[in-house]
Amino acid sequence: MQNLKDYYIKSLQDGRNVWLYGQKVDVTTDKHFAGILSTISNLFTLFDDPIRRDSVGYVSPKTKEFVHTAFIFPNS
C-alpha cells in the first residue's frame, strides 16, 4: 500500500504545466518548491501514523472518508 505522502507527490505529476522564471518545472523536483512540498507532504505522514491520525483528521459525515480537519465546516 502506498503511503499518503508518496501518493500526494505522485498526484502532482499529472501533466500540469508550471513555469518559473521562463522555464517549465516539475514541482516535485524543482528546488524552489522543495520547502512547501516537504511541508505539505509531511502533513500527510500524520495520516499514516495511527497515534497522531485522530489529532489531524476526522471522518467526514458527507463522504465517510477520513479527511484533514481543515475541511471542517463551522456550525454557526
PDB file of N, CA and C in Angstrom:
ATOM      1  N   MET A   1       0.839  -1.191   0.000  1.00  0.00           N
ATOM      2  CA  MET A   1       0.000   0.000   0.000  1.00  0.00           C
ATOM      3  C   MET A   1       0.882   1.253   0.000  1.00  0.00           C
ATOM      4  N   GLN A   2       0.544   2.169  -0.847  1.00  0.00           N
ATOM      5  CA  GLN A   2       1.304   3.412  -0.959  1.00  0.00           C
ATOM      6  C   GLN A   2       0.893   4.358   0.170  1.00  0.00           C
ATOM      7  N   ASN A   3       1.885   4.992   0.811  1.00  0.00           N
ATOM      8  CA  ASN A   3       1.514   5.929   1.871  1.00  0.00           C
ATOM      9  C   ASN A   3       1.007   7.235   1.258  1.00  0.00           C
ATOM     10  N   LEU A   4       0.329   8.023   2.066  1.00  0.00           N
ATOM     11  CA  LEU A   4      -0.301   9.243   1.562  1.00  0.00           C
ATOM     12  C   LEU A   4       0.706  10.272   1.081  1.00  0.00           C
ATOM     13  N   LYS A   5       1.863  10.327   1.714  1.00  0.00           N
ATOM     14  CA  LYS A   5       2.904  11.274   1.288  1.00  0.00           C
ATOM     15  C   LYS A   5       3.324  10.972  -0.145  1.00  0.00           C
ATOM     16  N   ASP A   6       3.625   9.718  -0.430  1.00  0.00           N
ATOM     17  CA  ASP A   6       4.026   9.334  -1.787  1.00  0.00           C
ATOM     18  C   ASP A   6       2.888   9.538  -2.780  1.00  0.00           C
ATOM     19  N   TYR A   7       1.676   9.224  -2.353  1.00  0.00           N
ATOM     20  CA  TYR A   7       0.509   9.407  -3.215  1.00  0.00           C
ATOM     21  C   TYR A   7       0.339  10.886  -3.571  1.00  0.00           C
ATOM     22  N   TYR A   8       0.504  11.760  -2.587  1.00  0.00           N
ATOM     23  CA  TYR A   8       0.381  13.197  -2.819  1.00  0.00           C
ATOM     24  C   TYR A   8       1.421  13.678  -3.829  1.00  0.00           C
ATOM     25  N   ILE A   9       2.667  13.297  -3.625  1.00  0.00           N
ATOM     26  CA  ILE A   9       3.731  13.729  -4.537  1.00  0.00           C
ATOM     27  C   ILE A   9       3.462  13.217  -5.947  1.00  0.00           C
ATOM     28  N   LYS A  10       3.074  11.962  -6.059  1.00  0.00           N
ATOM     29  CA  LYS A  10       2.780  11.397  -7.383  1.00  0.00           C
ATOM     30  C   LYS A  10       1.594  12.116  -8.033  1.00  0.00           C
ATOM     31  N   SER A  11       0.630  12.549  -7.220  1.00  0.00           N
ATOM     32  CA  SER A  11      -0.545  13.228  -7.772  1.00  0.00           C
ATOM     33  C   SER A  11      -0.185  14.559  -8.424  1.00  0.00           C
ATOM     34  N   LEU A  12       0.935  15.140  -8.027  1.00  0.00           N
ATOM     35  CA  LEU A  12       1.378  16.405  -8.619  1.00  0.00           C
ATOM     36  C   LEU A  12       2.005  16.210  -9.992  1.00  0.00           C
ATOM     37  N   GLN A  13       2.304  14.977 -10.333  1.00  0.00           N
ATOM     38  CA  GLN A  13       2.897  14.664 -11.636  1.00  0.00           C
ATOM     39  C   GLN A  13       1.793  14.226 -12.594  1.00  0.00           C
ATOM     40  N   ASP A  14       0.859  15.124 -12.824  1.00  0.00           N
ATOM     41  CA  ASP A  14      -0.327  14.799 -13.608  1.00  0.00           C
ATOM     42  C   ASP A  14      -0.379  15.525 -14.950  1.00  0.00           C
ATOM     43  N   GLY A  15       0.745  16.029 -15.384  1.00  0.00           N
ATOM     44  CA  GLY A  15       0.788  16.709 -16.673  1.00  0.00           C
ATOM     45  C   GLY A  15       0.551  18.210 -16.592  1.00  0.00           C
ATOM     46  N   ARG A  16       0.442  18.722 -15.381  1.00  0.00           N
ATOM     47  CA  ARG A  16       0.234  20.165 -15.236  1.00  0.00           C
ATOM     48  C   ARG A  16       1.457  20.925 -15.753  1.00  0.00           C
ATOM     49  N   ASN A  17       1.238  22.140 -16.185  1.00  0.00           N
ATOM     50  CA  ASN A  17       2.318  22.996 -16.665  1.00  0.00           C
ATOM     51  C   ASN A  17       2.579  24.092 -15.649  1.00  0.00           C
ATOM     52  N   VAL A  18       3.757  24.065 -15.061  1.00  0.00           N
ATOM     53  CA  VAL A  18       4.167  25.089 -14.109  1.00  0.00           C
ATOM     54  C   VAL A  18       5.428  25.735 -14.666  1.00  0.00           C
ATOM     55  N   TRP A  19       5.379  27.048 -14.777  1.00  0.00           N
ATOM     56  CA  TRP A  19       6.504  27.792 -15.321  1.00  0.00           C
ATOM     57  C   TRP A  19       7.057  28.711 -14.243  1.00  0.00           C
ATOM     58  N   LEU A  20       8.374  28.754 -14.160  1.00  0.00           N
ATOM     59  CA  LEU A  20       9.049  29.596 -13.184  1.00  0.00           C
ATOM     60  C   LEU A  20      10.249  30.237 -13.863  1.00  0.00           C
ATOM     61  N   TYR A  21      10.282  31.549 -13.850  1.00  0.00           N
ATOM     62  CA  TYR A  21      11.378  32.293 -14.487  1.00  0.00           C
ATOM     63  C   TYR A  21      11.575  31.873 -15.941  1.00  0.00           C
ATOM     64  N   GLY A  22      10.468  31.665 -16.653  1.00  0.00           N
ATOM     65  CA  GLY A  22      10.523  31.339 -18.072  1.00  0.00           C
ATOM     66  C   GLY A  22      10.863  29.896 -18.391  1.00  0.00           C
ATOM     67  N   GLN A  23      10.953  29.056 -17.376  1.00  0.00           N
ATOM     68  CA  GLN A  23      11.287  27.643 -17.583  1.00  0.00           C
ATOM     69  C   GLN A  23      10.160  26.765 -17.053  1.00  0.00           C
ATOM     70  N   LYS A  24       9.838  25.722 -17.803  1.00  0.00           N
ATOM     71  CA  LYS A  24       8.865  24.750 -17.323  1.00  0.00           C
ATOM     72  C   LYS A  24       9.545  23.901 -16.251  1.00  0.00           C
ATOM     73  N   VAL A  25       8.887  23.729 -15.099  1.00  0.00           N
ATOM     74  CA  VAL A  25       9.491  22.993 -13.990  1.00  0.00           C
ATOM     75  C   VAL A  25       8.564  21.878 -13.516  1.00  0.00           C
ATOM     76  N   ASP A  26       9.157  20.900 -12.888  1.00  0.00           N
ATOM     77  CA  ASP A  26       8.433  19.826 -12.216  1.00  0.00           C
ATOM     78  C   ASP A  26       8.402  20.201 -10.739  1.00  0.00           C
ATOM     79  N   VAL A  27       7.219  20.472 -10.210  1.00  0.00           N
ATOM     80  CA  VAL A  27       7.122  20.945  -8.826  1.00  0.00           C
ATOM     81  C   VAL A  27       7.576  19.900  -7.815  1.00  0.00           C
ATOM     82  N   THR A  28       7.677  18.647  -8.228  1.00  0.00           N
ATOM     83  CA  THR A  28       8.108  17.599  -7.295  1.00  0.00           C
ATOM     84  C   THR A  28       9.621  17.496  -7.186  1.00  0.00           C
ATOM     85  N   THR A  29      10.339  18.134  -8.099  1.00  0.00           N
ATOM     86  CA  THR A  29      11.800  18.041  -8.058  1.00  0.00           C
ATOM     87  C   THR A  29      12.507  19.391  -8.060  1.00  0.00           C
ATOM     88  N   ASP A  30      11.812  20.458  -8.437  1.00  0.00           N
ATOM     89  CA  ASP A  30      12.452  21.771  -8.509  1.00  0.00           C
ATOM     90  C   ASP A  30      12.766  22.301  -7.111  1.00  0.00           C
ATOM     91  N   LYS A  31      13.981  22.833  -6.945  1.00  0.00           N
ATOM     92  CA  LYS A  31      14.430  23.299  -5.626  1.00  0.00           C
ATOM     93  C   LYS A  31      13.572  24.427  -5.071  1.00  0.00           C
ATOM     94  N   HIS A  32      12.938  25.214  -5.926  1.00  0.00           N
ATOM     95  CA  HIS A  32      12.116  26.324  -5.463  1.00  0.00           C
ATOM     96  C   HIS A  32      10.841  25.851  -4.759  1.00  0.00           C
ATOM     97  N   PHE A  33      10.437  24.640  -5.032  1.00  0.00           N
ATOM     98  CA  PHE A  33       9.229  24.090  -4.424  1.00  0.00           C
ATOM     99  C   PHE A  33       9.541  23.086  -3.321  1.00  0.00           C
ATOM    100  N   ALA A  34      10.812  22.868  -3.039  1.00  0.00           N
ATOM    101  CA  ALA A  34      11.218  21.837  -2.073  1.00  0.00           C
ATOM    102  C   ALA A  34      10.647  22.078  -0.681  1.00  0.00           C
ATOM    103  N   GLY A  35      10.668  23.310  -0.218  1.00  0.00           N
ATOM    104  CA  GLY A  35      10.192  23.613   1.129  1.00  0.00           C
ATOM    105  C   GLY A  35       8.709  23.352   1.302  1.00  0.00           C
ATOM    106  N   ILE A  36       7.904  23.890   0.397  1.00  0.00           N
ATOM    107  CA  ILE A  36       6.456  23.705   0.515  1.00  0.00           C
ATOM    108  C   ILE A  36       6.063  22.259   0.253  1.00  0.00           C
ATOM    109  N   LEU A  37       6.755  21.602  -0.673  1.00  0.00           N
ATOM    110  CA  LEU A  37       6.479  20.189  -0.935  1.00  0.00           C
ATOM    111  C   LEU A  37       6.767  19.356   0.307  1.00  0.00           C
ATOM    112  N   SER A  38       7.860  19.654   0.972  1.00  0.00           N
ATOM    113  CA  SER A  38       8.212  18.940   2.194  1.00  0.00           C
ATOM    114  C   SER A  38       7.181  19.188   3.295  1.00  0.00           C
ATOM    115  N   THR A  39       6.780  20.440   3.461  1.00  0.00           N
ATOM    116  CA  THR A  39       5.806  20.779   4.498  1.00  0.00           C
ATOM    117  C   THR A  39       4.478  20.069   4.278  1.00  0.00           C
ATOM    118  N   ILE A  40       3.938  20.190   3.080  1.00  0.00           N
ATOM    119  CA  ILE A  40       2.632  19.586   2.806  1.00  0.00           C
ATOM    120  C   ILE A  40       2.705  18.071   2.838  1.00  0.00           C
ATOM    121  N   SER A  41       3.722  17.500   2.223  1.00  0.00           N
ATOM    122  CA  SER A  41       3.805  16.038   2.197  1.00  0.00           C
ATOM    123  C   SER A  41       4.022  15.464   3.592  1.00  0.00           C
ATOM    124  N   ASN A  42       4.745  16.185   4.453  1.00  0.00           N
ATOM    125  CA  ASN A  42       4.923  15.705   5.823  1.00  0.00           C
ATOM    126  C   ASN A  42       3.630  15.772   6.630  1.00  0.00           C
ATOM    127  N   LEU A  43       2.739  16.681   6.288  1.00  0.00           N
ATOM    128  CA  LEU A  43       1.430  16.686   6.937  1.00  0.00           C
ATOM    129  C   LEU A  43       0.674  15.396   6.629  1.00  0.00           C
ATOM    130  N   PHE A  44       0.866  14.882   5.421  1.00  0.00           N
ATOM    131  CA  PHE A  44       0.204  13.633   5.054  1.00  0.00           C
ATOM    132  C   PHE A  44       0.759  12.445   5.829  1.00  0.00           C
ATOM    133  N   THR A  45       2.002  12.516   6.268  1.00  0.00           N
ATOM    134  CA  THR A  45       2.549  11.399   7.044  1.00  0.00           C
ATOM    135  C   THR A  45       1.820  11.253   8.374  1.00  0.00           C
ATOM    136  N   LEU A  46       1.236  12.339   8.858  1.00  0.00           N
ATOM    137  CA  LEU A  46       0.468  12.259  10.098  1.00  0.00           C
ATOM    138  C   LEU A  46      -0.754  11.353   9.941  1.00  0.00           C
ATOM    139  N   PHE A  47      -1.318  11.303   8.740  1.00  0.00           N
ATOM    140  CA  PHE A  47      -2.453  10.419   8.486  1.00  0.00           C
ATOM    141  C   PHE A  47      -2.038   8.952   8.533  1.00  0.00           C
ATOM    142  N   ASP A  48      -0.793   8.671   8.211  1.00  0.00           N
ATOM    143  CA  ASP A  48      -0.300   7.294   8.212  1.00  0.00           C
ATOM    144  C   ASP A  48       0.131   6.827   9.601  1.00  0.00           C
ATOM    145  N   ASP A  49       0.190   7.754  10.544  1.00  0.00           N
ATOM    146  CA  ASP A  49       0.600   7.429  11.909  1.00  0.00           C
ATOM    147  C   ASP A  49      -0.652   7.224  12.764  1.00  0.00           C
ATOM    148  N   PRO A  50      -0.931   5.981  13.172  1.00  0.00           N
ATOM    149  CA  PRO A  50      -2.161   5.721  13.921  1.00  0.00           C
ATOM    150  C   PRO A  50      -2.273   6.499  15.231  1.00  0.00           C
ATOM    151  N   ILE A  51      -1.156   6.861  15.824  1.00  0.00           N
ATOM    152  CA  ILE A  51      -1.184   7.605  17.085  1.00  0.00           C
ATOM    153  C   ILE A  51      -1.594   9.062  16.860  1.00  0.00           C
ATOM    154  N   ARG A  52      -1.135   9.658  15.786  1.00  0.00           N
ATOM    155  CA  ARG A  52      -1.401  11.080  15.519  1.00  0.00           C
ATOM    156  C   ARG A  52      -2.607  11.315  14.618  1.00  0.00           C
ATOM    157  N   ARG A  53      -3.068  10.296  13.960  1.00  0.00           N
ATOM    158  CA  ARG A  53      -4.103  10.433  12.938  1.00  0.00           C
ATOM    159  C   ARG A  53      -5.336  11.192  13.430  1.00  0.00           C
ATOM    160  N   ASP A  54      -5.844  10.819  14.575  1.00  0.00           N
ATOM    161  CA  ASP A  54      -7.070  11.445  15.067  1.00  0.00           C
ATOM    162  C   ASP A  54      -6.889  12.903  15.474  1.00  0.00           C
ATOM    163  N   SER A  55      -5.669  13.341  15.689  1.00  0.00           N
ATOM    164  CA  SER A  55      -5.450  14.742  16.058  1.00  0.00           C
ATOM    165  C   SER A  55      -5.407  15.659  14.842  1.00  0.00           C
ATOM    166  N   VAL A  56      -5.300  15.103  13.641  1.00  0.00           N
ATOM    167  CA  VAL A  56      -5.218  15.933  12.437  1.00  0.00           C
ATOM    168  C   VAL A  56      -6.363  15.703  11.461  1.00  0.00           C
ATOM    169  N   GLY A  57      -7.234  14.758  11.763  1.00  0.00           N
ATOM    170  CA  GLY A  57      -8.308  14.475  10.826  1.00  0.00           C
ATOM    171  C   GLY A  57      -9.539  13.916  11.500  1.00  0.00           C
ATOM    172  N   TYR A  58     -10.541  13.673  10.680  1.00  0.00           N
ATOM    173  CA  TYR A  58     -11.810  13.129  11.157  1.00  0.00           C
ATOM    174  C   TYR A  58     -12.518  12.452   9.989  1.00  0.00           C
ATOM    175  N   VAL A  59     -13.533  11.671  10.287  1.00  0.00           N
ATOM    176  CA  VAL A  59     -14.328  11.034   9.240  1.00  0.00           C
ATOM    177  C   VAL A  59     -15.401  12.025   8.807  1.00  0.00           C
ATOM    178  N   SER A  60     -15.370  12.377   7.539  1.00  0.00           N
ATOM    179  CA  SER A  60     -16.334  13.329   7.005  1.00  0.00           C
ATOM    180  C   SER A  60     -17.735  12.720   7.025  1.00  0.00           C
ATOM    181  N   PRO A  61     -18.711  13.436   7.581  1.00  0.00           N
ATOM    182  CA  PRO A  61     -20.072  12.905   7.574  1.00  0.00           C
ATOM    183  C   PRO A  61     -20.660  12.826   6.163  1.00  0.00           C
ATOM    184  N   LYS A  62     -20.126  13.631   5.261  1.00  0.00           N
ATOM    185  CA  LYS A  62     -20.642  13.641   3.889  1.00  0.00           C
ATOM    186  C   LYS A  62     -20.034  12.528   3.046  1.00  0.00           C
ATOM    187  N   THR A  63     -18.709  12.385   3.091  1.00  0.00           N
ATOM    188  CA  THR A  63     -18.039  11.406   2.225  1.00  0.00           C
ATOM    189  C   THR A  63     -17.752  10.086   2.922  1.00  0.00           C
ATOM    190  N   LYS A  64     -17.815  10.089   4.249  1.00  0.00           N
ATOM    191  CA  LYS A  64     -17.483   8.910   5.064  1.00  0.00           C
ATOM    192  C   LYS A  64     -16.014   8.514   4.937  1.00  0.00           C
ATOM    193  N   GLU A  65     -15.195   9.438   4.460  1.00  0.00           N
ATOM    194  CA  GLU A  65     -13.760   9.203   4.333  1.00  0.00           C
ATOM    195  C   GLU A  65     -13.021  10.026   5.383  1.00  0.00           C
ATOM    196  N   PHE A  66     -11.836   9.573   5.727  1.00  0.00           N
ATOM    197  CA  PHE A  66     -11.004  10.293   6.679  1.00  0.00           C
ATOM    198  C   PHE A  66     -10.364  11.471   5.960  1.00  0.00           C
ATOM    199  N   VAL A  67     -10.565  12.673   6.484  1.00  0.00           N
ATOM    200  CA  VAL A  67     -10.056  13.891   5.851  1.00  0.00           C
ATOM    201  C   VAL A  67      -9.384  14.778   6.893  1.00  0.00           C
ATOM    202  N   HIS A  68      -8.621  15.738   6.431  1.00  0.00           N
ATOM    203  CA  HIS A  68      -7.926  16.683   7.308  1.00  0.00           C
ATOM    204  C   HIS A  68      -8.940  17.604   7.987  1.00  0.00           C
ATOM    205  N   THR A  69      -8.614  18.044   9.177  1.00  0.00           N
ATOM    206  CA  THR A  69      -9.507  18.933   9.926  1.00  0.00           C
ATOM    207  C   THR A  69      -9.722  20.279   9.233  1.00  0.00           C
ATOM    208  N   ALA A  70      -8.893  20.615   8.271  1.00  0.00           N
ATOM    209  CA  ALA A  70      -9.086  21.860   7.522  1.00  0.00           C
ATOM    210  C   ALA A  70     -10.415  21.858   6.768  1.00  0.00           C
ATOM    211  N   PHE A  71     -11.003  20.682   6.578  1.00  0.00           N
ATOM    212  CA  PHE A  71     -12.261  20.589   5.842  1.00  0.00           C
ATOM    213  C   PHE A  71     -13.492  20.653   6.743  1.00  0.00           C
ATOM    214  N   ILE A  72     -13.300  20.876   8.038  1.00  0.00           N
ATOM    215  CA  ILE A  72     -14.443  21.000   8.941  1.00  0.00           C
ATOM    216  C   ILE A  72     -15.150  22.330   8.664  1.00  0.00           C
ATOM    217  N   PHE A  73     -16.458  22.253   8.481  1.00  0.00           N
ATOM    218  CA  PHE A  73     -17.249  23.460   8.282  1.00  0.00           C
ATOM    219  C   PHE A  73     -17.754  23.950   9.634  1.00  0.00           C
ATOM    220  N   PRO A  74     -17.740  25.258   9.849  1.00  0.00           N
ATOM    221  CA  PRO A  74     -18.269  25.773  11.114  1.00  0.00           C
ATOM    222  C   PRO A  74     -19.775  25.520  11.204  1.00  0.00           C
ATOM    223  N   ASN A  75     -20.245  25.315  12.416  1.00  0.00           N
ATOM    224  CA  ASN A  75     -21.674  25.074  12.628  1.00  0.00           C
ATOM    225  C   ASN A  75     -22.468  26.355  12.785  1.00  0.00           C
ATOM    226  N   SER A  76     -21.802  27.434  13.093  1.00  0.00           N
ATOM    227  CA  SER A  76     -22.551  28.678  13.295  1.00  0.00           C
ATOM    228  C   SER A  76     -21.862  29.831  12.612  1.00  0.00           C
TER     229      SER A  76
END
